[in-house]
Amino acid sequence: MDARRPLDALSEEQTEILINFQNLSGLDDINQCRRILEHNGWDEQAAVENIFREQDDQADALRRQAAGLPSIARYSSNYRREASMAQDGPTTSANPARTPRLTISPSSTQVFQGGPAPVVPWGLWDWMKAIVVIPVRFTYTTIVDFLRFLWSFVAGPSFPASTPTQDVKNFIEGFEEMYGTTHPVFYQGGYKEAYQDAKRELRFLLLYLHQDNSHDSDRFCRDALIHPNVVSMINSRALFWGCSTKYAEGYKVAQALQVSKYPSLGLIANKGNQMTLIGRLQGYHNHEQLIDKLTQLFGHNERLLNAARQERQQLDMNQTLRKEQDEAFQKSLKADQDKAEKKRQEALKKEQAEHAKKEAEERKHREEIERVESLARRKHEAARLVPAEPKEGTADCCRISFKLPNGKRIQRRFNDTDVVADLYHYILSQPDVPDQFEVYTTYPRNSIECSPASRKEIELFGWGPAIALIVEEKEEADDEELDKPIAQPV
């Protein structure tokens, strides 16, 4: 990417970030600022932190060279490791973590500078004690500060291994031991958690950074921070988070917010979908001044949260509407699918019924053909088995008249020695006779067991020279009878 391309090739947001970064870094070369931002992915805060660290490293190298000390590269690495401690774990080199991104811009931040804290007038005893104590304290603090200064060249700032949450709890415990339990409700967690909760809940986040052994910080806590009116205002308007710079979590946040004077209050709010430092109070303020400044900050920036809330509400409404539309679409789609499936099942059932009906008809047709063919074979076989008819005038014979089921009448002569099976074969061989029939005498009406297996001779019926018989179709066909072969005469 060419860093010398014209500014109009940048987006409006990138142009604003470039100008802010140049103001914060103090660099005159706009192209150099642009290269640094592009190297950091246009992350303004990361670029500012990196440029300040490079400047600190260069200044440190010059100081060590002037003091005749060897250059120790681990100063920079220790400093960076301690300044970016893990949010949820002990301080280890394998567990680095960066603070959440926070937009810091002079154009977006309203700054209120406080004056020195009032000094309580001394009495005679205070002056006598000071004459003895001040020389000793001056000597002690001078030696300790000098030793700390020398040690800072070697190791940089260091902190005991702890978690951000534990740092905050330790600070709150120390605060309550010193100033009591009447104070704004501190957030019980690390800065990152407070940041995320304020961003999610669209609330102001008020950060308090405390410096131990600071007269201004001590007087600010006693005169302003624990005042009932201040407590009520902060609890009702913002999430309140605090920590001391003697802990790693407090030091890290102070570096991220670029705090230069204590005590320090920073007000953060969601501005344009970015968490932005919108106000800063540095130095001592009494409770009236603090309430006045916070009232101005809350009042001037309430519209930011209202706009963010309206935007989120609109987004939630859009998501709800989209969800309802998706649900309606899925419901309509399922109804169409169910309708199509029902139609498919009905068509399948209809097809199966038609197929079954067709198969039944074909089977019935085949059975009918088989029945007709079987009956034709049986009639042919029966005709072959009928004995020859006696001639006219032959003695010992009987002329039998048959009335068939269709009303047709036929007659034939049979020998008295012919059997009932011969009658059966003769009747069956007639084209108009069904395959199953019964035979009756006319008067009195008696049933004759007429079957191909009956060997009873005709003369045994005592019919004489002539008899009339009625042939009727059986109401229920005997399938087993149809399957029996025609009985052969013995």
Protein backbone atom coordinates (compact mmCIF):
# COMPACT_ATOMS: atom_id res chain seq x y z
CA MET A 1 0.00 0.00 0.00
CA ASP A 2 1.45 3.38 -1.00
CA ALA A 3 1.61 5.71 2.01
CA ARG A 4 2.20 8.75 -0.25
CA ARG A 5 -1.16 8.57 -1.97
CA PRO A 6 -3.40 11.67 -1.54
CA LEU A 7 -5.60 12.04 1.52
CA ASP A 8 -8.74 12.02 -0.58
CA ALA A 9 -8.03 8.35 -1.27
CA LEU A 10 -8.79 7.64 2.41
CA SER A 11 -12.21 7.17 3.87
CA GLU A 12 -13.66 9.82 6.15
CA GLU A 13 -13.06 7.62 9.22
CA GLN A 14 -9.42 6.94 8.24
CA THR A 15 -8.80 10.67 7.65
CA GLU A 16 -10.12 11.50 11.13
CA ILE A 17 -7.98 8.77 12.71
CA LEU A 18 -4.89 10.05 10.84
CA ILE A 19 -5.39 13.62 12.06
CA ASN A 20 -6.04 12.51 15.66
CA PHE A 21 -2.96 10.28 15.62
CA GLN A 22 -0.75 13.10 14.32
CA ASN A 23 -1.99 15.38 17.12
CA LEU A 24 -1.39 12.73 19.80
CA SER A 25 2.00 11.53 18.53
CA GLY A 26 3.47 14.98 17.79
CA LEU A 27 4.93 13.75 14.47
CA ASP A 28 5.16 16.35 11.70
CA ASP A 29 5.39 13.95 8.75
CA ILE A 30 1.83 13.01 7.74
CA ASN A 31 3.11 10.16 5.56
CA GLN A 32 5.03 8.69 8.50
CA CYS A 33 1.85 8.83 10.60
CA ARG A 34 -0.01 7.07 7.84
CA ARG A 35 2.59 4.31 7.54
CA ILE A 36 2.45 3.70 11.28
CA LEU A 37 -1.35 3.50 11.25
CA GLU A 38 -1.38 1.13 8.27
CA HIS A 39 1.21 -1.05 10.02
CA ASN A 40 -1.14 -1.25 13.05
CA GLY A 41 -4.23 -1.94 10.94
CA TRP A 42 -5.61 1.59 11.53
CA ASP A 43 -5.86 0.84 15.26
CA GLU A 44 -5.25 4.32 16.65
CA GLN A 45 -4.75 3.27 20.27
CA ALA A 46 -2.29 0.49 19.36
CA ALA A 47 -0.34 2.91 17.15
CA VAL A 48 -0.17 5.53 19.95
CA GLU A 49 1.02 2.92 22.47
CA ASN A 50 3.68 1.64 20.08
CA ILE A 51 5.03 5.11 19.22
CA PHE A 52 5.19 6.12 22.90
CA ARG A 53 7.00 2.89 23.78
CA GLU A 54 9.53 3.44 21.03
CA GLN A 55 10.13 6.97 22.28
CA ASP A 56 10.54 5.67 25.86
CA ASP A 57 13.00 3.02 24.66
CA GLN A 58 15.07 5.62 22.80
CA ALA A 59 15.08 7.96 25.80
CA ASP A 60 16.04 5.08 28.08
CA ALA A 61 18.93 4.13 25.80
CA LEU A 62 20.23 7.70 25.89
CA ARG A 63 19.95 7.87 29.70
CA ARG A 64 21.78 4.59 30.12
CA GLN A 65 24.47 5.67 27.67
CA ALA A 66 24.94 8.95 29.55
CA ALA A 67 25.13 7.09 32.87
CA GLY A 68 27.68 4.66 31.46
CA LEU A 69 25.37 1.67 31.97
CA PRO A 70 25.11 -1.20 29.47
CA SER A 71 22.03 -1.27 27.30
CA ILE A 72 19.64 -3.84 28.66
CA ALA A 73 16.94 -4.81 26.17
CA ARG A 74 14.86 -6.59 28.78
CA TYR A 75 13.74 -3.25 30.26
CA SER A 76 11.47 -2.65 27.32
CA SER A 77 10.18 -6.23 27.27
CA ASN A 78 9.50 -6.25 31.03
CA TYR A 79 7.73 -2.93 30.80
CA ARG A 80 5.53 -4.09 28.00
CA ARG A 81 4.79 -7.43 29.65
CA GLU A 82 3.77 -5.78 32.93
CA ALA A 83 1.73 -3.10 31.15
CA SER A 84 -0.27 -5.73 29.23
CA MET A 85 -1.00 -8.26 31.99
CA ALA A 86 -3.56 -11.01 31.42
CA GLN A 87 -7.09 -9.97 32.25
CA ASP A 88 -8.00 -13.30 33.86
CA GLY A 89 -4.73 -14.87 34.94
CA PRO A 90 -1.51 -14.25 36.87
CA THR A 91 1.25 -12.13 35.36
CA THR A 92 3.31 -14.42 33.17
CA SER A 93 5.20 -13.84 29.95
CA ALA A 94 3.10 -16.54 28.25
CA ASN A 95 -0.20 -14.88 29.08
CA PRO A 96 -0.26 -11.38 27.55
CA ALA A 97 -3.53 -9.49 27.07
CA ARG A 98 -4.44 -6.10 25.69
CA THR A 99 -6.99 -3.76 27.17
CA PRO A 100 -10.20 -3.34 25.17
CA ARG A 101 -9.94 -0.79 22.41
CA LEU A 102 -10.89 2.69 23.59
CA THR A 103 -11.13 5.73 21.32
CA ILE A 104 -9.27 8.70 22.80
CA SER A 105 -9.53 11.89 20.78
CA PRO A 106 -9.00 15.50 21.91
CA SER A 107 -12.06 16.51 19.91
CA SER A 108 -14.22 13.95 21.74
CA THR A 109 -12.88 14.38 25.27
CA GLN A 110 -13.90 17.21 27.59
CA VAL A 111 -11.14 17.76 30.17
CA PHE A 112 -11.50 19.42 33.58
CA GLN A 113 -8.32 20.22 35.47
CA GLY A 114 -8.51 20.53 39.23
CA GLY A 115 -6.30 22.52 41.52
CA PRO A 116 -4.25 21.40 44.50
CA ALA A 117 -6.03 19.98 47.50
CA PRO A 118 -6.44 22.34 50.49
CA VAL A 119 -3.88 21.93 53.25
CA VAL A 120 -5.12 21.61 56.82
CA PRO A 121 -3.59 24.40 58.99
CA TRP A 122 -0.89 23.18 61.40
CA GLY A 123 -0.86 23.78 65.10
CA LEU A 124 2.17 24.19 67.39
CA TRP A 125 2.48 20.44 67.95
CA ASP A 126 2.39 19.80 64.18
CA TRP A 127 5.27 22.24 63.64
CA MET A 128 7.36 20.70 66.43
CA LYS A 129 6.77 17.20 65.00
CA ALA A 130 7.60 18.37 61.51
CA ILE A 131 10.97 19.78 62.63
CA VAL A 132 11.96 16.29 63.73
CA VAL A 133 10.21 14.15 61.12
CA ILE A 134 10.73 16.13 57.89
CA PRO A 135 14.55 15.78 57.70
CA VAL A 136 14.33 12.04 58.35
CA ARG A 137 11.52 11.55 55.85
CA PHE A 138 13.29 13.67 53.24
CA THR A 139 16.46 11.64 53.54
CA TYR A 140 14.57 8.32 53.43
CA THR A 141 12.37 9.20 50.46
CA THR A 142 15.32 10.63 48.54
CA ILE A 143 17.34 7.43 48.93
CA VAL A 144 14.34 5.19 48.13
CA ASP A 145 13.36 7.26 45.07
CA PHE A 146 16.95 7.19 43.80
CA LEU A 147 17.15 3.41 44.21
CA ARG A 148 13.81 2.98 42.47
CA PHE A 149 15.03 5.21 39.66
CA LEU A 150 18.11 3.06 39.16
CA TRP A 151 16.09 -0.17 39.36
CA SER A 152 13.66 1.10 36.74
CA PHE A 153 16.49 1.07 34.18
CA VAL A 154 17.03 -2.63 34.87
CA ALA A 155 13.62 -4.16 35.26
CA GLY A 156 10.98 -1.52 34.68
CA PRO A 157 7.79 -1.42 36.77
CA SER A 158 6.88 -4.75 38.35
CA PHE A 159 3.82 -6.05 40.16
CA PRO A 160 2.98 -9.15 42.16
CA ALA A 161 1.34 -11.96 40.21
CA SER A 162 -2.42 -11.47 40.41
CA THR A 163 -5.59 -11.36 38.35
CA PRO A 164 -7.38 -8.14 37.37
CA THR A 165 -10.35 -9.07 39.54
CA GLN A 166 -8.08 -9.67 42.55
CA ASP A 167 -6.35 -6.32 41.98
CA VAL A 168 -9.71 -4.55 42.04
CA LYS A 169 -10.85 -6.41 45.17
CA ASN A 170 -7.61 -5.56 46.95
CA PHE A 171 -8.07 -1.89 46.05
CA ILE A 172 -11.67 -1.86 47.29
CA GLU A 173 -10.67 -3.48 50.58
CA GLY A 174 -7.90 -0.91 51.10
CA PHE A 175 -10.25 1.93 50.12
CA GLU A 176 -12.86 0.86 52.68
CA GLU A 177 -10.24 0.46 55.41
CA MET A 178 -9.08 4.03 54.76
CA TYR A 179 -12.33 5.85 53.93
CA GLY A 180 -15.19 3.61 55.11
CA THR A 181 -17.92 1.75 53.32
CA THR A 182 -19.90 4.81 52.17
CA HIS A 183 -18.78 5.22 48.58
CA PRO A 184 -20.09 4.64 45.05
CA VAL A 185 -20.63 0.97 44.30
CA PHE A 186 -17.39 -0.30 42.80
CA TYR A 187 -17.61 -2.78 39.93
CA GLN A 188 -16.42 -6.16 41.24
CA GLY A 189 -14.27 -7.20 38.33
CA GLY A 190 -11.50 -6.25 35.93
CA TYR A 191 -11.56 -3.27 33.61
CA LYS A 192 -12.24 -5.47 30.59
CA GLU A 193 -15.37 -6.92 32.21
CA ALA A 194 -16.63 -3.48 33.23
CA TYR A 195 -15.93 -2.22 29.71
CA GLN A 196 -17.89 -5.07 28.12
CA ASP A 197 -20.84 -4.72 30.53
CA ALA A 198 -21.11 -0.97 29.96
CA LYS A 199 -20.93 -1.50 26.21
CA ARG A 200 -23.56 -4.24 26.30
CA GLU A 201 -25.90 -2.36 28.68
CA LEU A 202 -25.34 1.02 26.97
CA ARG A 203 -24.39 2.77 30.20
CA PHE A 204 -21.78 5.32 31.18
CA LEU A 205 -18.58 3.81 32.58
CA LEU A 206 -16.82 6.04 35.14
CA LEU A 207 -13.21 5.04 35.84
CA TYR A 208 -11.39 6.19 38.98
CA LEU A 209 -7.60 5.83 39.09
CA HIS A 210 -6.08 6.31 42.53
CA GLN A 211 -2.49 7.02 43.44
CA ASP A 212 -1.30 6.00 46.88
CA ASN A 213 0.80 8.43 48.93
CA SER A 214 -0.83 11.31 47.03
CA HIS A 215 -2.20 14.14 49.13
CA ASP A 216 -4.56 15.21 46.34
CA SER A 217 -5.93 11.67 45.92
CA ASP A 218 -6.44 11.31 49.68
CA ARG A 219 -8.26 14.66 50.02
CA PHE A 220 -10.37 13.91 46.89
CA CYS A 221 -11.60 10.66 48.40
CA ARG A 222 -12.38 12.27 51.77
CA ASP A 223 -13.93 15.49 50.49
CA ALA A 224 -15.71 14.37 47.32
CA LEU A 225 -15.82 10.68 46.41
CA ILE A 226 -17.51 9.50 49.62
CA HIS A 227 -19.90 12.44 49.86
CA PRO A 228 -23.53 11.18 49.90
CA ASN A 229 -24.60 13.41 47.00
CA VAL A 230 -21.70 12.19 44.87
CA VAL A 231 -22.44 8.59 45.80
CA SER A 232 -26.10 8.98 44.84
CA MET A 233 -25.28 10.63 41.50
CA ILE A 234 -22.69 8.07 40.40
CA ASN A 235 -24.77 5.07 41.46
CA SER A 236 -27.77 6.33 39.49
CA ARG A 237 -25.96 7.34 36.31
CA ALA A 238 -23.03 5.03 35.63
CA LEU A 239 -21.09 1.86 36.24
CA PHE A 240 -18.23 2.79 38.58
CA TRP A 241 -14.86 1.08 38.37
CA GLY A 242 -11.78 1.95 40.35
CA CYS A 243 -8.25 0.77 41.03
CA SER A 244 -4.92 2.00 42.28
CA THR A 245 -1.85 2.39 40.10
CA LYS A 246 0.13 0.31 42.57
CA TYR A 247 -1.68 -2.71 41.11
CA ALA A 248 -1.00 -4.01 37.62
CA GLU A 249 -4.63 -3.57 36.55
CA GLY A 250 -4.73 0.07 37.63
CA TYR A 251 -1.33 0.82 36.09
CA LYS A 252 -2.34 -0.77 32.79
CA VAL A 253 -5.59 1.23 32.59
CA ALA A 254 -3.76 4.45 33.51
CA GLN A 255 -1.35 3.84 30.63
CA ALA A 256 -4.21 3.10 28.23
CA LEU A 257 -6.03 6.31 29.26
CA GLN A 258 -2.77 8.31 29.14
CA VAL A 259 -3.30 9.65 32.67
CA SER A 260 -0.81 12.35 33.64
CA LYS A 261 -2.28 13.68 36.89
CA TYR A 262 -3.99 12.12 39.91
CA PRO A 263 -6.60 11.64 41.13
CA SER A 264 -8.14 10.89 37.73
CA LEU A 265 -11.72 10.23 36.66
CA GLY A 266 -12.48 9.14 33.11
CA LEU A 267 -16.00 8.92 31.66
CA ILE A 268 -16.53 6.44 28.83
CA ALA A 269 -19.63 6.08 26.63
CA ASN A 270 -20.70 4.40 23.41
CA LYS A 271 -20.24 6.94 20.63
CA GLY A 272 -20.84 5.86 17.06
CA ASN A 273 -20.63 2.17 18.04
CA GLN A 274 -17.22 2.79 19.65
CA MET A 275 -16.40 3.10 23.34
CA THR A 276 -14.97 6.60 23.60
CA LEU A 277 -13.39 8.63 26.40
CA ILE A 278 -15.79 11.58 26.48
CA GLY A 279 -14.67 13.26 29.70
CA ARG A 280 -11.71 13.48 32.03
CA LEU A 281 -11.33 15.04 35.49
CA GLN A 282 -7.76 15.34 36.74
CA GLY A 283 -6.55 16.67 40.03
CA TYR A 284 -8.44 17.63 43.15
CA HIS A 285 -12.13 18.57 43.09
CA ASN A 286 -14.40 19.02 46.09
CA HIS A 287 -17.83 17.42 46.08
CA GLU A 288 -19.60 20.50 44.69
CA GLN A 289 -17.11 20.85 41.85
CA LEU A 290 -17.27 17.13 41.15
CA ILE A 291 -21.07 17.11 41.01
CA ASP A 292 -21.05 20.15 38.75
CA LYS A 293 -18.53 18.63 36.30
CA LEU A 294 -20.21 15.21 36.24
CA THR A 295 -23.60 16.87 35.70
CA GLN A 296 -22.18 18.67 32.66
CA LEU A 297 -20.63 15.48 31.28
CA PHE A 298 -23.72 13.35 31.82
CA GLY A 299 -26.01 16.04 30.44
CA HIS A 300 -23.95 16.79 27.34
CA ASN A 301 -23.43 13.15 26.44
CA GLU A 302 -26.75 11.57 27.41
CA ARG A 303 -27.81 12.01 23.80
CA LEU A 304 -25.01 9.61 22.78
CA LEU A 305 -26.46 6.82 24.87
CA ASN A 306 -29.99 7.69 23.81
CA ALA A 307 -28.93 7.50 20.16
CA ALA A 308 -27.15 4.19 20.81
CA ARG A 309 -30.20 2.86 22.65
CA GLN A 310 -32.51 3.92 19.80
CA GLU A 311 -30.17 2.35 17.28
CA ARG A 312 -30.03 -0.88 19.27
CA GLN A 313 -33.80 -0.79 19.74
CA GLN A 314 -34.22 -0.36 15.99
CA LEU A 315 -31.74 -3.16 15.41
CA ASP A 316 -33.62 -5.39 17.86
CA MET A 317 -36.90 -4.52 16.13
CA ASN A 318 -35.37 -5.34 12.75
CA GLN A 319 -34.01 -8.61 14.09
CA THR A 320 -37.37 -9.44 15.65
CA LEU A 321 -39.15 -8.57 12.41
CA ARG A 322 -36.66 -10.61 10.40
CA LYS A 323 -37.08 -13.51 12.83
CA GLU A 324 -40.87 -13.30 12.55
CA GLN A 325 -40.60 -13.16 8.76
CA ASP A 326 -38.26 -16.16 8.79
CA GLU A 327 -40.63 -18.05 11.07
CA ALA A 328 -43.60 -17.14 8.84
CA PHE A 329 -41.64 -18.21 5.78
CA GLN A 330 -40.63 -21.49 7.41
CA LYS A 331 -44.23 -22.05 8.52
CA SER A 332 -45.53 -21.33 5.00
CA LEU A 333 -42.80 -23.50 3.50
CA LYS A 334 -43.68 -26.36 5.86
CA ALA A 335 -47.38 -25.96 5.02
CA ASP A 336 -46.56 -26.11 1.31
CA GLN A 337 -44.31 -29.11 1.89
CA ASP A 338 -47.02 -30.84 3.95
CA LYS A 339 -49.57 -30.06 1.26
CA ALA A 340 -47.28 -31.38 -1.46
CA GLU A 341 -46.52 -34.48 0.62
CA LYS A 342 -50.22 -35.07 1.26
CA LYS A 343 -50.92 -34.69 -2.45
CA ARG A 344 -48.08 -37.06 -3.26
CA GLN A 345 -49.38 -39.63 -0.74
CA GLU A 346 -52.89 -39.35 -2.15
CA ALA A 347 -51.56 -39.78 -5.69
CA LEU A 348 -49.48 -42.74 -4.53
CA LYS A 349 -52.49 -44.33 -2.81
CA LYS A 350 -54.63 -43.72 -5.91
CA GLU A 351 -51.94 -45.21 -8.12
CA GLN A 352 -51.61 -48.21 -5.80
CA ALA A 353 -55.42 -48.65 -5.73
CA GLU A 354 -55.62 -48.44 -9.53
CA HIS A 355 -52.74 -50.87 -9.83
CA ALA A 356 -54.40 -53.25 -7.36
CA LYS A 357 -57.71 -52.90 -9.18
CA LYS A 358 -56.04 -53.58 -12.50
CA GLU A 359 -54.27 -56.61 -11.09
CA ALA A 360 -57.55 -57.89 -9.62
CA GLU A 361 -59.34 -57.43 -12.92
CA GLU A 362 -56.53 -59.15 -14.80
CA ARG A 363 -56.51 -61.95 -12.26
CA LYS A 364 -60.29 -62.27 -12.49
CA HIS A 365 -60.05 -62.27 -16.28
CA ARG A 366 -57.39 -64.97 -16.19
CA GLU A 367 -59.45 -66.99 -13.73
CA GLU A 368 -62.51 -66.62 -15.94
CA ILE A 369 -60.57 -67.75 -18.97
CA GLU A 370 -59.15 -70.65 -17.01
CA ARG A 371 -62.65 -71.51 -15.72
CA VAL A 372 -64.14 -71.43 -19.23
CA GLU A 373 -61.28 -73.47 -20.63
CA SER A 374 -61.55 -75.91 -17.72
CA LEU A 375 -65.33 -76.19 -18.18
CA ALA A 376 -64.89 -76.77 -21.92
CA ARG A 377 -62.42 -79.55 -21.20
CA ARG A 378 -64.75 -81.08 -18.63
CA LYS A 379 -67.74 -80.87 -21.00
CA HIS A 380 -65.69 -82.48 -23.75
CA GLU A 381 -64.54 -85.22 -21.38
CA ALA A 382 -68.10 -85.69 -20.05
CA ALA A 383 -69.51 -86.04 -23.60
CA ARG A 384 -66.95 -88.72 -24.31
CA LEU A 385 -68.05 -90.69 -21.23
CA VAL A 386 -71.82 -90.67 -22.02
CA PRO A 387 -72.89 -94.22 -23.08
CA ALA A 388 -74.58 -94.79 -26.42
CA GLU A 389 -78.29 -94.03 -26.53
CA PRO A 390 -80.61 -97.09 -26.84
CA LYS A 391 -82.60 -97.30 -30.01
CA GLU A 392 -86.29 -96.46 -30.14
CA GLY A 393 -88.40 -99.38 -28.81
CA THR A 394 -85.51 -100.96 -26.89
CA ALA A 395 -86.77 -102.78 -23.81
CA ASP A 396 -85.41 -102.02 -20.33
CA CYS A 397 -84.79 -98.36 -21.05
CA CYS A 398 -86.14 -95.06 -19.72
CA ARG A 399 -86.77 -91.90 -21.65
CA ILE A 400 -85.73 -88.94 -19.51
CA SER A 401 -86.78 -85.34 -20.18
CA PHE A 402 -84.50 -82.58 -18.77
CA LYS A 403 -85.55 -79.00 -18.17
CA LEU A 404 -82.32 -76.97 -18.19
CA PRO A 405 -81.69 -73.79 -16.07
CA ASN A 406 -82.30 -71.57 -19.11
CA GLY A 407 -85.76 -73.18 -19.68
CA LYS A 408 -84.65 -75.28 -22.65
CA ARG A 409 -85.91 -78.89 -22.67
CA ILE A 410 -83.97 -81.88 -23.98
CA GLN A 411 -84.62 -85.62 -23.73
CA ARG A 412 -82.73 -88.86 -24.17
CA ARG A 413 -83.13 -92.58 -23.62
CA PHE A 414 -80.96 -94.39 -21.05
CA ASN A 415 -80.65 -98.12 -20.29
CA ASP A 416 -81.97 -99.13 -16.91
CA THR A 417 -78.50 -100.42 -16.14
CA ASP A 418 -76.95 -97.00 -16.77
CA VAL A 419 -75.82 -95.26 -13.60
CA VAL A 420 -76.41 -91.77 -12.20
CA ALA A 421 -72.87 -90.77 -13.27
CA ASP A 422 -74.01 -91.25 -16.88
CA LEU A 423 -76.86 -88.77 -16.27
CA TYR A 424 -74.35 -86.35 -14.79
CA HIS A 425 -72.00 -86.63 -17.78
CA TYR A 426 -74.87 -86.13 -20.21
CA ILE A 427 -76.22 -83.05 -18.42
CA LEU A 428 -72.71 -81.52 -18.04
CA SER A 429 -71.92 -82.02 -21.71
CA GLN A 430 -74.78 -79.72 -22.70
CA PRO A 431 -73.56 -76.24 -23.79
CA ASP A 432 -76.23 -74.38 -21.80
CA VAL A 433 -75.62 -76.15 -18.49
CA PRO A 434 -73.37 -74.51 -15.85
CA ASP A 435 -70.49 -76.39 -14.33
CA GLN A 436 -72.31 -76.75 -10.99
CA PHE A 437 -75.89 -77.96 -10.95
CA GLU A 438 -78.45 -79.95 -9.00
CA VAL A 439 -81.12 -82.39 -10.28
CA TYR A 440 -84.66 -82.74 -8.93
CA THR A 441 -87.75 -84.84 -9.80
CA THR A 442 -90.82 -82.83 -10.76
CA TYR A 443 -93.45 -84.38 -8.50
CA PRO A 444 -92.90 -85.01 -5.77
CA ARG A 445 -89.87 -82.73 -5.79
CA ASN A 446 -86.94 -84.79 -4.57
CA SER A 447 -83.25 -84.15 -4.95
CA ILE A 448 -81.19 -86.69 -6.81
CA GLU A 449 -77.57 -87.01 -5.77
CA CYS A 450 -76.21 -86.51 -9.25
CA SER A 451 -72.41 -86.64 -9.26
CA PRO A 452 -69.68 -88.21 -11.37
CA ALA A 453 -68.93 -90.63 -8.53
CA SER A 454 -72.47 -92.06 -8.14
CA ARG A 455 -72.70 -95.67 -9.39
CA LYS A 456 -76.40 -96.12 -8.62
CA GLU A 457 -78.32 -97.64 -11.49
CA ILE A 458 -81.31 -95.81 -12.95
CA GLU A 459 -83.74 -98.71 -12.53
CA LEU A 460 -83.32 -98.49 -8.78
CA PHE A 461 -85.18 -95.18 -8.79
CA GLY A 462 -88.33 -96.93 -10.14
CA TRP A 463 -89.02 -94.26 -12.73
CA GLY A 464 -90.56 -96.63 -15.26
CA PRO A 465 -90.34 -95.99 -19.03
CA ALA A 466 -90.28 -92.18 -18.73
CA ILE A 467 -89.45 -89.46 -16.23
CA ALA A 468 -89.08 -85.65 -16.24
CA LEU A 469 -86.18 -84.09 -14.30
CA ILE A 470 -85.36 -80.47 -13.50
CA VAL A 471 -81.76 -79.19 -13.70
CA GLU A 472 -80.98 -76.09 -11.60
CA GLU A 473 -77.74 -74.17 -11.12
CA LYS A 474 -76.19 -74.40 -7.67
CA GLU A 475 -76.34 -71.12 -5.79
CA GLU A 476 -72.79 -71.57 -4.40
CA ALA A 477 -70.21 -73.16 -6.61
CA ASP A 478 -68.02 -75.84 -5.13
CA ASP A 479 -64.49 -75.02 -6.22
CA GLU A 480 -63.22 -78.36 -5.01
CA GLU A 481 -65.83 -80.10 -7.18
CA LEU A 482 -64.65 -78.18 -10.20
CA ASP A 483 -61.09 -79.31 -9.63
CA LYS A 484 -62.11 -82.99 -9.50
CA PRO A 485 -61.47 -84.94 -12.68
CA ILE A 486 -64.40 -86.54 -14.53
CA ALA A 487 -64.99 -89.97 -13.00
CA GLN A 488 -64.26 -92.81 -15.35
CA PRO A 489 -66.91 -95.54 -15.60
CA VAL A 490 -66.07 -98.79 -13.90
